[in-house]
mmCIF file of all heavy atoms, coordinates in Angstrom:
data_MODEL
# 
_entry.id   MODEL 
# 
loop_
_atom_site.group_PDB 
_atom_site.id 
_atom_site.type_symbol 
_atom_site.label_atom_id 
_atom_site.label_alt_id 
_atom_site.label_comp_id 
_atom_site.label_asym_id 
_atom_site.label_entity_id 
_atom_site.label_seq_id 
_atom_site.pdbx_PDB_ins_code 
_atom_site.Cartn_x 
_atom_site.Cartn_y 
_atom_site.Cartn_z 
_atom_site.occupancy 
_atom_site.B_iso_or_equiv 
_atom_site.pdbx_formal_charge 
_atom_site.auth_seq_id 
_atom_site.auth_comp_id 
_atom_site.auth_asym_id 
_atom_site.auth_atom_id 
_atom_site.pdbx_PDB_model_num 
ATOM 1   N N   . ILE A 1 1  ? 102.351 81.020  86.331  1.00 0.00 ? 1  ILE A N   1 
ATOM 2   C CA  . ILE A 1 1  ? 101.182 81.534  85.842  1.00 0.00 ? 1  ILE A CA  1 
ATOM 3   C C   . ILE A 1 1  ? 99.959  81.038  86.725  1.00 0.00 ? 1  ILE A C   1 
ATOM 4   O O   . ILE A 1 1  ? 99.159  81.824  86.937  1.00 0.00 ? 1  ILE A O   1 
ATOM 5   C CB  . ILE A 1 1  ? 101.002 81.232  84.363  1.00 0.00 ? 1  ILE A CB  1 
ATOM 6   C CG1 . ILE A 1 1  ? 102.118 81.920  83.593  1.00 0.00 ? 1  ILE A CG1 1 
ATOM 7   C CG2 . ILE A 1 1  ? 99.719  81.693  83.838  1.00 0.00 ? 1  ILE A CG2 1 
ATOM 8   C CD1 . ILE A 1 1  ? 102.309 81.456  82.110  1.00 0.00 ? 1  ILE A CD1 1 
ATOM 9   N N   . ASP A 1 2  ? 100.005 79.686  86.877  1.00 0.00 ? 2  ASP A N   1 
ATOM 10  C CA  . ASP A 1 2  ? 98.895  79.186  87.674  1.00 0.00 ? 2  ASP A CA  1 
ATOM 11  C C   . ASP A 1 2  ? 98.838  79.811  89.001  1.00 0.00 ? 2  ASP A C   1 
ATOM 12  O O   . ASP A 1 2  ? 97.774  80.005  89.545  1.00 0.00 ? 2  ASP A O   1 
ATOM 13  C CB  . ASP A 1 2  ? 99.147  77.558  87.777  1.00 0.00 ? 2  ASP A CB  1 
ATOM 14  C CG  . ASP A 1 2  ? 98.833  76.919  86.512  1.00 0.00 ? 2  ASP A CG  1 
ATOM 15  O OD1 . ASP A 1 2  ? 98.234  77.440  85.558  1.00 0.00 ? 2  ASP A OD1 1 
ATOM 16  O OD2 . ASP A 1 2  ? 99.241  75.685  86.376  1.00 0.00 ? 2  ASP A OD2 1 
ATOM 17  N N   . GLU A 1 3  ? 99.973  80.003  89.785  1.00 0.00 ? 3  GLU A N   1 
ATOM 18  C CA  . GLU A 1 3  ? 100.004 80.665  91.062  1.00 0.00 ? 3  GLU A CA  1 
ATOM 19  C C   . GLU A 1 3  ? 99.360  82.112  90.969  1.00 0.00 ? 3  GLU A C   1 
ATOM 20  O O   . GLU A 1 3  ? 98.603  82.439  91.869  1.00 0.00 ? 3  GLU A O   1 
ATOM 21  C CB  . GLU A 1 3  ? 101.428 80.678  91.512  1.00 0.00 ? 3  GLU A CB  1 
ATOM 22  C CG  . GLU A 1 3  ? 101.581 81.215  92.901  1.00 0.00 ? 3  GLU A CG  1 
ATOM 23  C CD  . GLU A 1 3  ? 100.786 80.461  94.141  1.00 0.00 ? 3  GLU A CD  1 
ATOM 24  O OE1 . GLU A 1 3  ? 100.636 79.303  93.841  1.00 0.00 ? 3  GLU A OE1 1 
ATOM 25  O OE2 . GLU A 1 3  ? 100.349 81.006  95.181  1.00 0.00 ? 3  GLU A OE2 1 
ATOM 26  N N   . VAL A 1 4  ? 99.841  82.841  89.999  1.00 0.00 ? 4  VAL A N   1 
ATOM 27  C CA  . VAL A 1 4  ? 99.263  84.198  89.889  1.00 0.00 ? 4  VAL A CA  1 
ATOM 28  C C   . VAL A 1 4  ? 97.830  84.134  89.619  1.00 0.00 ? 4  VAL A C   1 
ATOM 29  O O   . VAL A 1 4  ? 97.019  84.966  90.202  1.00 0.00 ? 4  VAL A O   1 
ATOM 30  C CB  . VAL A 1 4  ? 100.001 85.032  88.842  1.00 0.00 ? 4  VAL A CB  1 
ATOM 31  C CG1 . VAL A 1 4  ? 99.462  86.472  88.500  1.00 0.00 ? 4  VAL A CG1 1 
ATOM 32  C CG2 . VAL A 1 4  ? 101.460 85.165  89.094  1.00 0.00 ? 4  VAL A CG2 1 
ATOM 33  N N   . TYR A 1 5  ? 97.372  83.214  88.739  1.00 0.00 ? 5  TYR A N   1 
ATOM 34  C CA  . TYR A 1 5  ? 95.912  83.077  88.379  1.00 0.00 ? 5  TYR A CA  1 
ATOM 35  C C   . TYR A 1 5  ? 95.147  82.709  89.573  1.00 0.00 ? 5  TYR A C   1 
ATOM 36  O O   . TYR A 1 5  ? 94.007  83.265  89.926  1.00 0.00 ? 5  TYR A O   1 
ATOM 37  C CB  . TYR A 1 5  ? 95.783  81.992  87.383  1.00 0.00 ? 5  TYR A CB  1 
ATOM 38  C CG  . TYR A 1 5  ? 94.299  81.732  86.875  1.00 0.00 ? 5  TYR A CG  1 
ATOM 39  C CD1 . TYR A 1 5  ? 93.645  82.620  86.121  1.00 0.00 ? 5  TYR A CD1 1 
ATOM 40  C CD2 . TYR A 1 5  ? 93.816  80.586  87.444  1.00 0.00 ? 5  TYR A CD2 1 
ATOM 41  C CE1 . TYR A 1 5  ? 92.273  82.436  85.742  1.00 0.00 ? 5  TYR A CE1 1 
ATOM 42  C CE2 . TYR A 1 5  ? 92.404  80.324  87.137  1.00 0.00 ? 5  TYR A CE2 1 
ATOM 43  C CZ  . TYR A 1 5  ? 91.732  81.199  86.248  1.00 0.00 ? 5  TYR A CZ  1 
ATOM 44  O OH  . TYR A 1 5  ? 90.414  80.974  86.009  1.00 0.00 ? 5  TYR A OH  1 
ATOM 45  N N   . LYS A 1 6  ? 95.787  81.836  90.415  1.00 0.00 ? 6  LYS A N   1 
ATOM 46  C CA  . LYS A 1 6  ? 95.059  81.457  91.605  1.00 0.00 ? 6  LYS A CA  1 
ATOM 47  C C   . LYS A 1 6  ? 94.767  82.590  92.626  1.00 0.00 ? 6  LYS A C   1 
ATOM 48  O O   . LYS A 1 6  ? 93.718  82.786  93.195  1.00 0.00 ? 6  LYS A O   1 
ATOM 49  C CB  . LYS A 1 6  ? 95.813  80.264  92.313  1.00 0.00 ? 6  LYS A CB  1 
ATOM 50  C CG  . LYS A 1 6  ? 95.220  79.793  93.598  1.00 0.00 ? 6  LYS A CG  1 
ATOM 51  C CD  . LYS A 1 6  ? 95.994  78.569  94.188  1.00 0.00 ? 6  LYS A CD  1 
ATOM 52  C CE  . LYS A 1 6  ? 95.553  78.217  95.571  1.00 0.00 ? 6  LYS A CE  1 
ATOM 53  N NZ  . LYS A 1 6  ? 96.468  77.275  96.225  1.00 0.00 ? 6  LYS A NZ  1 
ATOM 54  N N   . ILE A 1 7  ? 95.867  83.494  92.826  1.00 0.00 ? 7  ILE A N   1 
ATOM 55  C CA  . ILE A 1 7  ? 95.683  84.626  93.600  1.00 0.00 ? 7  ILE A CA  1 
ATOM 56  C C   . ILE A 1 7  ? 94.646  85.604  93.149  1.00 0.00 ? 7  ILE A C   1 
ATOM 57  O O   . ILE A 1 7  ? 93.890  86.126  93.834  1.00 0.00 ? 7  ILE A O   1 
ATOM 58  C CB  . ILE A 1 7  ? 97.079  85.335  93.765  1.00 0.00 ? 7  ILE A CB  1 
ATOM 59  C CG1 . ILE A 1 7  ? 98.148  84.418  94.513  1.00 0.00 ? 7  ILE A CG1 1 
ATOM 60  C CG2 . ILE A 1 7  ? 97.030  86.738  94.405  1.00 0.00 ? 7  ILE A CG2 1 
ATOM 61  C CD1 . ILE A 1 7  ? 99.493  84.910  94.401  1.00 0.00 ? 7  ILE A CD1 1 
ATOM 62  N N   . CYS A 1 8  ? 94.724  85.889  91.839  1.00 0.00 ? 8  CYS A N   1 
ATOM 63  C CA  . CYS A 1 8  ? 93.887  86.827  91.137  1.00 0.00 ? 8  CYS A CA  1 
ATOM 64  C C   . CYS A 1 8  ? 92.440  86.416  91.054  1.00 0.00 ? 8  CYS A C   1 
ATOM 65  O O   . CYS A 1 8  ? 91.516  87.238  90.861  1.00 0.00 ? 8  CYS A O   1 
ATOM 66  C CB  . CYS A 1 8  ? 94.357  87.265  89.763  1.00 0.00 ? 8  CYS A CB  1 
ATOM 67  S SG  . CYS A 1 8  ? 95.906  88.348  89.871  1.00 0.00 ? 8  CYS A SG  1 
ATOM 68  N N   . ASN A 1 9  ? 92.226  85.119  91.157  1.00 0.00 ? 9  ASN A N   1 
ATOM 69  C CA  . ASN A 1 9  ? 90.891  84.496  91.146  1.00 0.00 ? 9  ASN A CA  1 
ATOM 70  C C   . ASN A 1 9  ? 90.184  84.387  92.431  1.00 0.00 ? 9  ASN A C   1 
ATOM 71  O O   . ASN A 1 9  ? 89.094  84.004  92.565  1.00 0.00 ? 9  ASN A O   1 
ATOM 72  C CB  . ASN A 1 9  ? 90.948  83.263  90.391  1.00 0.00 ? 9  ASN A CB  1 
ATOM 73  C CG  . ASN A 1 9  ? 89.709  82.967  89.473  1.00 0.00 ? 9  ASN A CG  1 
ATOM 74  O OD1 . ASN A 1 9  ? 89.130  83.981  88.907  1.00 0.00 ? 9  ASN A OD1 1 
ATOM 75  N ND2 . ASN A 1 9  ? 89.178  81.740  89.500  1.00 0.00 ? 9  ASN A ND2 1 
ATOM 76  N N   . ASN A 1 10 ? 90.981  84.853  93.464  1.00 0.00 ? 10 ASN A N   1 
ATOM 77  C CA  . ASN A 1 10 ? 90.439  84.842  94.820  1.00 0.00 ? 10 ASN A CA  1 
ATOM 78  C C   . ASN A 1 10 ? 90.023  86.234  95.217  1.00 0.00 ? 10 ASN A C   1 
ATOM 79  O O   . ASN A 1 10 ? 90.923  87.114  95.276  1.00 0.00 ? 10 ASN A O   1 
ATOM 80  C CB  . ASN A 1 10 ? 91.442  84.231  95.797  1.00 0.00 ? 10 ASN A CB  1 
ATOM 81  C CG  . ASN A 1 10 ? 90.960  84.247  97.302  1.00 0.00 ? 10 ASN A CG  1 
ATOM 82  O OD1 . ASN A 1 10 ? 90.507  85.269  97.821  1.00 0.00 ? 10 ASN A OD1 1 
ATOM 83  N ND2 . ASN A 1 10 ? 91.044  83.012  97.835  1.00 0.00 ? 10 ASN A ND2 1 
ATOM 84  N N   . ARG A 1 11 ? 88.845  86.623  95.465  1.00 0.00 ? 11 ARG A N   1 
ATOM 85  C CA  . ARG A 1 11 ? 88.336  87.939  95.606  1.00 0.00 ? 11 ARG A CA  1 
ATOM 86  C C   . ARG A 1 11 ? 89.126  88.670  96.743  1.00 0.00 ? 11 ARG A C   1 
ATOM 87  O O   . ARG A 1 11 ? 89.655  89.773  96.576  1.00 0.00 ? 11 ARG A O   1 
ATOM 88  C CB  . ARG A 1 11 ? 86.906  87.970  95.791  1.00 0.00 ? 11 ARG A CB  1 
ATOM 89  C CG  . ARG A 1 11 ? 86.304  89.442  95.971  1.00 0.00 ? 11 ARG A CG  1 
ATOM 90  C CD  . ARG A 1 11 ? 84.786  89.423  96.034  1.00 0.00 ? 11 ARG A CD  1 
ATOM 91  N NE  . ARG A 1 11 ? 84.338  90.794  96.308  1.00 0.00 ? 11 ARG A NE  1 
ATOM 92  C CZ  . ARG A 1 11 ? 84.227  91.346  97.555  1.00 0.00 ? 11 ARG A CZ  1 
ATOM 93  N NH1 . ARG A 1 11 ? 84.594  90.554  98.560  1.00 0.00 ? 11 ARG A NH1 1 
ATOM 94  N NH2 . ARG A 1 11 ? 83.732  92.417  97.763  1.00 0.00 ? 11 ARG A NH2 1 
ATOM 95  N N   . LEU A 1 12 ? 89.213  87.993  97.852  1.00 0.00 ? 12 LEU A N   1 
ATOM 96  C CA  . LEU A 1 12 ? 89.868  88.653  98.968  1.00 0.00 ? 12 LEU A CA  1 
ATOM 97  C C   . LEU A 1 12 ? 91.306  88.849  98.858  1.00 0.00 ? 12 LEU A C   1 
ATOM 98  O O   . LEU A 1 12 ? 91.899  89.842  99.228  1.00 0.00 ? 12 LEU A O   1 
ATOM 99  C CB  . LEU A 1 12 ? 89.615  87.784  100.351 1.00 0.00 ? 12 LEU A CB  1 
ATOM 100 C CG  . LEU A 1 12 ? 88.211  87.754  100.817 1.00 0.00 ? 12 LEU A CG  1 
ATOM 101 C CD1 . LEU A 1 12 ? 87.965  86.768  102.014 1.00 0.00 ? 12 LEU A CD1 1 
ATOM 102 C CD2 . LEU A 1 12 ? 87.607  89.085  101.171 1.00 0.00 ? 12 LEU A CD2 1 
ATOM 103 N N   . GLN A 1 13 ? 92.022  87.910  98.216  1.00 0.00 ? 13 GLN A N   1 
ATOM 104 C CA  . GLN A 1 13 ? 93.443  88.105  97.845  1.00 0.00 ? 13 GLN A CA  1 
ATOM 105 C C   . GLN A 1 13 ? 93.665  89.197  96.805  1.00 0.00 ? 13 GLN A C   1 
ATOM 106 O O   . GLN A 1 13 ? 94.548  89.962  96.942  1.00 0.00 ? 13 GLN A O   1 
ATOM 107 C CB  . GLN A 1 13 ? 94.018  86.706  97.362  1.00 0.00 ? 13 GLN A CB  1 
ATOM 108 C CG  . GLN A 1 13 ? 94.086  85.673  98.472  1.00 0.00 ? 13 GLN A CG  1 
ATOM 109 C CD  . GLN A 1 13 ? 94.801  84.454  97.998  1.00 0.00 ? 13 GLN A CD  1 
ATOM 110 O OE1 . GLN A 1 13 ? 95.074  84.238  96.870  1.00 0.00 ? 13 GLN A OE1 1 
ATOM 111 N NE2 . GLN A 1 13 ? 95.066  83.586  99.011  1.00 0.00 ? 13 GLN A NE2 1 
ATOM 112 N N   . LEU A 1 14 ? 92.730  89.251  95.800  1.00 0.00 ? 14 LEU A N   1 
ATOM 113 C CA  . LEU A 1 14 ? 92.844  90.237  94.879  1.00 0.00 ? 14 LEU A CA  1 
ATOM 114 C C   . LEU A 1 14 ? 92.667  91.652  95.444  1.00 0.00 ? 14 LEU A C   1 
ATOM 115 O O   . LEU A 1 14 ? 93.409  92.592  95.106  1.00 0.00 ? 14 LEU A O   1 
ATOM 116 C CB  . LEU A 1 14 ? 91.678  90.040  93.803  1.00 0.00 ? 14 LEU A CB  1 
ATOM 117 C CG  . LEU A 1 14 ? 91.777  91.059  92.557  1.00 0.00 ? 14 LEU A CG  1 
ATOM 118 C CD1 . LEU A 1 14 ? 93.107  91.058  91.888  1.00 0.00 ? 14 LEU A CD1 1 
ATOM 119 C CD2 . LEU A 1 14 ? 90.653  90.653  91.634  1.00 0.00 ? 14 LEU A CD2 1 
ATOM 120 N N   . ILE A 1 15 ? 91.739  91.821  96.384  1.00 0.00 ? 15 ILE A N   1 
ATOM 121 C CA  . ILE A 1 15 ? 91.571  93.103  97.031  1.00 0.00 ? 15 ILE A CA  1 
ATOM 122 C C   . ILE A 1 15 ? 92.916  93.580  97.720  1.00 0.00 ? 15 ILE A C   1 
ATOM 123 O O   . ILE A 1 15 ? 93.279  94.665  97.759  1.00 0.00 ? 15 ILE A O   1 
ATOM 124 C CB  . ILE A 1 15 ? 90.431  93.008  98.083  1.00 0.00 ? 15 ILE A CB  1 
ATOM 125 C CG1 . ILE A 1 15 ? 89.150  93.019  97.338  1.00 0.00 ? 15 ILE A CG1 1 
ATOM 126 C CG2 . ILE A 1 15 ? 90.469  94.234  99.073  1.00 0.00 ? 15 ILE A CG2 1 
ATOM 127 C CD1 . ILE A 1 15 ? 87.924  92.691  98.225  1.00 0.00 ? 15 ILE A CD1 1 
ATOM 128 N N   . ARG A 1 16 ? 93.516  92.579  98.385  1.00 0.00 ? 16 ARG A N   1 
ATOM 129 C CA  . ARG A 1 16 ? 94.818  93.021  98.976  1.00 0.00 ? 16 ARG A CA  1 
ATOM 130 C C   . ARG A 1 16 ? 96.035  93.162  98.046  1.00 0.00 ? 16 ARG A C   1 
ATOM 131 O O   . ARG A 1 16 ? 96.766  94.076  98.213  1.00 0.00 ? 16 ARG A O   1 
ATOM 132 C CB  . ARG A 1 16 ? 95.372  91.690  99.872  1.00 0.00 ? 16 ARG A CB  1 
ATOM 133 C CG  . ARG A 1 16 ? 94.572  91.710  101.196 1.00 0.00 ? 16 ARG A CG  1 
ATOM 134 C CD  . ARG A 1 16 ? 94.888  90.407  102.045 1.00 0.00 ? 16 ARG A CD  1 
ATOM 135 N NE  . ARG A 1 16 ? 94.424  90.603  103.481 1.00 0.00 ? 16 ARG A NE  1 
ATOM 136 C CZ  . ARG A 1 16 ? 93.184  90.698  103.846 1.00 0.00 ? 16 ARG A CZ  1 
ATOM 137 N NH1 . ARG A 1 16 ? 92.188  90.420  103.059 1.00 0.00 ? 16 ARG A NH1 1 
ATOM 138 N NH2 . ARG A 1 16 ? 92.892  90.903  105.233 1.00 0.00 ? 16 ARG A NH2 1 
ATOM 139 N N   . ILE A 1 17 ? 95.979  92.499  96.936  1.00 0.00 ? 17 ILE A N   1 
ATOM 140 C CA  . ILE A 1 17 ? 97.001  92.860  95.811  1.00 0.00 ? 17 ILE A CA  1 
ATOM 141 C C   . ILE A 1 17 ? 96.711  94.296  95.387  1.00 0.00 ? 17 ILE A C   1 
ATOM 142 O O   . ILE A 1 17 ? 97.705  95.018  95.209  1.00 0.00 ? 17 ILE A O   1 
ATOM 143 C CB  . ILE A 1 17 ? 96.887  91.853  94.696  1.00 0.00 ? 17 ILE A CB  1 
ATOM 144 C CG1 . ILE A 1 17 ? 97.347  90.489  95.128  1.00 0.00 ? 17 ILE A CG1 1 
ATOM 145 C CG2 . ILE A 1 17 ? 97.550  92.364  93.415  1.00 0.00 ? 17 ILE A CG2 1 
ATOM 146 C CD1 . ILE A 1 17 ? 98.841  90.343  95.349  1.00 0.00 ? 17 ILE A CD1 1 
ATOM 147 N N   . LEU A 1 18 ? 95.500  94.633  95.155  1.00 0.00 ? 18 LEU A N   1 
ATOM 148 C CA  . LEU A 1 18 ? 95.135  95.953  94.519  1.00 0.00 ? 18 LEU A CA  1 
ATOM 149 C C   . LEU A 1 18 ? 95.638  97.085  95.569  1.00 0.00 ? 18 LEU A C   1 
ATOM 150 O O   . LEU A 1 18 ? 96.064  98.149  95.330  1.00 0.00 ? 18 LEU A O   1 
ATOM 151 C CB  . LEU A 1 18 ? 93.762  96.066  94.177  1.00 0.00 ? 18 LEU A CB  1 
ATOM 152 C CG  . LEU A 1 18 ? 93.347  95.165  92.967  1.00 0.00 ? 18 LEU A CG  1 
ATOM 153 C CD1 . LEU A 1 18 ? 91.904  95.334  92.733  1.00 0.00 ? 18 LEU A CD1 1 
ATOM 154 C CD2 . LEU A 1 18 ? 94.127  95.664  91.713  1.00 0.00 ? 18 LEU A CD2 1 
ATOM 155 N N   . ALA A 1 19 ? 95.266  96.672  96.906  1.00 0.00 ? 19 ALA A N   1 
ATOM 156 C CA  . ALA A 1 19 ? 95.591  97.591  98.071  1.00 0.00 ? 19 ALA A CA  1 
ATOM 157 C C   . ALA A 1 19 ? 97.071  97.874  98.136  1.00 0.00 ? 19 ALA A C   1 
ATOM 158 O O   . ALA A 1 19 ? 97.613  98.988  98.221  1.00 0.00 ? 19 ALA A O   1 
ATOM 159 C CB  . ALA A 1 19 ? 95.065  97.180  99.334  1.00 0.00 ? 19 ALA A CB  1 
ATOM 160 N N   . LEU A 1 20 ? 97.906  96.878  97.944  1.00 0.00 ? 20 LEU A N   1 
ATOM 161 C CA  . LEU A 1 20 ? 99.297  96.968  97.996  1.00 0.00 ? 20 LEU A CA  1 
ATOM 162 C C   . LEU A 1 20 ? 99.880  97.708  96.757  1.00 0.00 ? 20 LEU A C   1 
ATOM 163 O O   . LEU A 1 20 ? 100.784 98.514  96.858  1.00 0.00 ? 20 LEU A O   1 
ATOM 164 C CB  . LEU A 1 20 ? 99.997  95.556  97.970  1.00 0.00 ? 20 LEU A CB  1 
ATOM 165 C CG  . LEU A 1 20 ? 100.185 94.908  99.421  1.00 0.00 ? 20 LEU A CG  1 
ATOM 166 C CD1 . LEU A 1 20 ? 100.516 93.475  99.242  1.00 0.00 ? 20 LEU A CD1 1 
ATOM 167 C CD2 . LEU A 1 20 ? 101.186 95.605  100.163 1.00 0.00 ? 20 LEU A CD2 1 
ATOM 168 N N   . ALA A 1 21 ? 99.301  97.397  95.590  1.00 0.00 ? 21 ALA A N   1 
ATOM 169 C CA  . ALA A 1 21 ? 99.729  98.020  94.451  1.00 0.00 ? 21 ALA A CA  1 
ATOM 170 C C   . ALA A 1 21 ? 99.513  99.623  94.491  1.00 0.00 ? 21 ALA A C   1 
ATOM 171 O O   . ALA A 1 21 ? 100.329 100.438 94.149  1.00 0.00 ? 21 ALA A O   1 
ATOM 172 C CB  . ALA A 1 21 ? 99.038  97.519  93.166  1.00 0.00 ? 21 ALA A CB  1 
ATOM 173 N N   . LYS A 1 22 ? 98.339  100.020 94.972  1.00 0.00 ? 22 LYS A N   1 
ATOM 174 C CA  . LYS A 1 22 ? 97.973  101.367 95.116  1.00 0.00 ? 22 LYS A CA  1 
ATOM 175 C C   . LYS A 1 22 ? 98.843  102.068 96.196  1.00 0.00 ? 22 LYS A C   1 
ATOM 176 O O   . LYS A 1 22 ? 99.238  103.222 96.035  1.00 0.00 ? 22 LYS A O   1 
ATOM 177 C CB  . LYS A 1 22 ? 96.517  101.574 95.552  1.00 0.00 ? 22 LYS A CB  1 
ATOM 178 C CG  . LYS A 1 22 ? 95.570  101.207 94.472  1.00 0.00 ? 22 LYS A CG  1 
ATOM 179 C CD  . LYS A 1 22 ? 94.119  101.263 94.830  1.00 0.00 ? 22 LYS A CD  1 
ATOM 180 C CE  . LYS A 1 22 ? 93.173  100.960 93.588  1.00 0.00 ? 22 LYS A CE  1 
ATOM 181 N NZ  . LYS A 1 22 ? 91.808  101.020 94.082  1.00 0.00 ? 22 LYS A NZ  1 
ATOM 182 N N   . SER A 1 23 ? 99.199  101.317 97.338  1.00 0.00 ? 23 SER A N   1 
ATOM 183 C CA  . SER A 1 23 ? 99.926  101.813 98.337  1.00 0.00 ? 23 SER A CA  1 
ATOM 184 C C   . SER A 1 23 ? 101.451 102.122 97.888  1.00 0.00 ? 23 SER A C   1 
ATOM 185 O O   . SER A 1 23 ? 102.024 103.161 98.074  1.00 0.00 ? 23 SER A O   1 
ATOM 186 C CB  . SER A 1 23 ? 100.143 100.768 99.476  1.00 0.00 ? 23 SER A CB  1 
ATOM 187 O OG  . SER A 1 23 ? 101.083 101.118 100.440 1.00 0.00 ? 23 SER A OG  1 
ATOM 188 N N   . ALA A 1 24 ? 101.923 101.197 96.884  1.00 0.00 ? 24 ALA A N   1 
ATOM 189 C CA  . ALA A 1 24 ? 103.216 101.429 96.279  1.00 0.00 ? 24 ALA A CA  1 
ATOM 190 C C   . ALA A 1 24 ? 103.227 102.684 95.475  1.00 0.00 ? 24 ALA A C   1 
ATOM 191 O O   . ALA A 1 24 ? 104.233 103.438 95.472  1.00 0.00 ? 24 ALA A O   1 
ATOM 192 C CB  . ALA A 1 24 ? 103.630 100.217 95.448  1.00 0.00 ? 24 ALA A CB  1 
ATOM 193 N N   . ILE A 1 25 ? 102.250 102.949 94.721  1.00 0.00 ? 25 ILE A N   1 
ATOM 194 C CA  . ILE A 1 25 ? 102.086 104.107 93.841  1.00 0.00 ? 25 ILE A CA  1 
ATOM 195 C C   . ILE A 1 25 ? 102.083 105.337 94.672  1.00 0.00 ? 25 ILE A C   1 
ATOM 196 O O   . ILE A 1 25 ? 102.699 106.369 94.357  1.00 0.00 ? 25 ILE A O   1 
ATOM 197 C CB  . ILE A 1 25 ? 100.868 104.056 92.862  1.00 0.00 ? 25 ILE A CB  1 
ATOM 198 C CG1 . ILE A 1 25 ? 101.126 102.904 91.838  1.00 0.00 ? 25 ILE A CG1 1 
ATOM 199 C CG2 . ILE A 1 25 ? 100.665 105.394 92.204  1.00 0.00 ? 25 ILE A CG2 1 
ATOM 200 C CD1 . ILE A 1 25 ? 99.812  102.541 91.103  1.00 0.00 ? 25 ILE A CD1 1 
ATOM 201 N N   . ARG A 1 26 ? 101.273 105.308 95.726  1.00 0.00 ? 26 ARG A N   1 
ATOM 202 C CA  . ARG A 1 26 ? 101.090 106.531 96.650  1.00 0.00 ? 26 ARG A CA  1 
ATOM 203 C C   . ARG A 1 26 ? 102.434 106.881 97.417  1.00 0.00 ? 26 ARG A C   1 
ATOM 204 O O   . ARG A 1 26 ? 102.750 107.954 97.614  1.00 0.00 ? 26 ARG A O   1 
ATOM 205 C CB  . ARG A 1 26 ? 100.048 106.284 97.651  1.00 0.00 ? 26 ARG A CB  1 
ATOM 206 C CG  . ARG A 1 26 ? 98.583  106.395 97.151  1.00 0.00 ? 26 ARG A CG  1 
ATOM 207 C CD  . ARG A 1 26 ? 97.586  106.542 98.170  1.00 0.00 ? 26 ARG A CD  1 
ATOM 208 N NE  . ARG A 1 26 ? 97.656  105.467 99.160  1.00 0.00 ? 26 ARG A NE  1 
ATOM 209 C CZ  . ARG A 1 26 ? 96.930  104.318 99.154  1.00 0.00 ? 26 ARG A CZ  1 
ATOM 210 N NH1 . ARG A 1 26 ? 96.140  104.208 98.050  1.00 0.00 ? 26 ARG A NH1 1 
ATOM 211 N NH2 . ARG A 1 26 ? 97.093  103.395 99.931  1.00 0.00 ? 26 ARG A NH2 1 
# 
């Protein structure tokens, strides 16, 4: 949980996570 929180609390990393999630859906 701490690792996921750390990623999601970093703006640049969060942008990449969202980009990957959207890419997977498309």
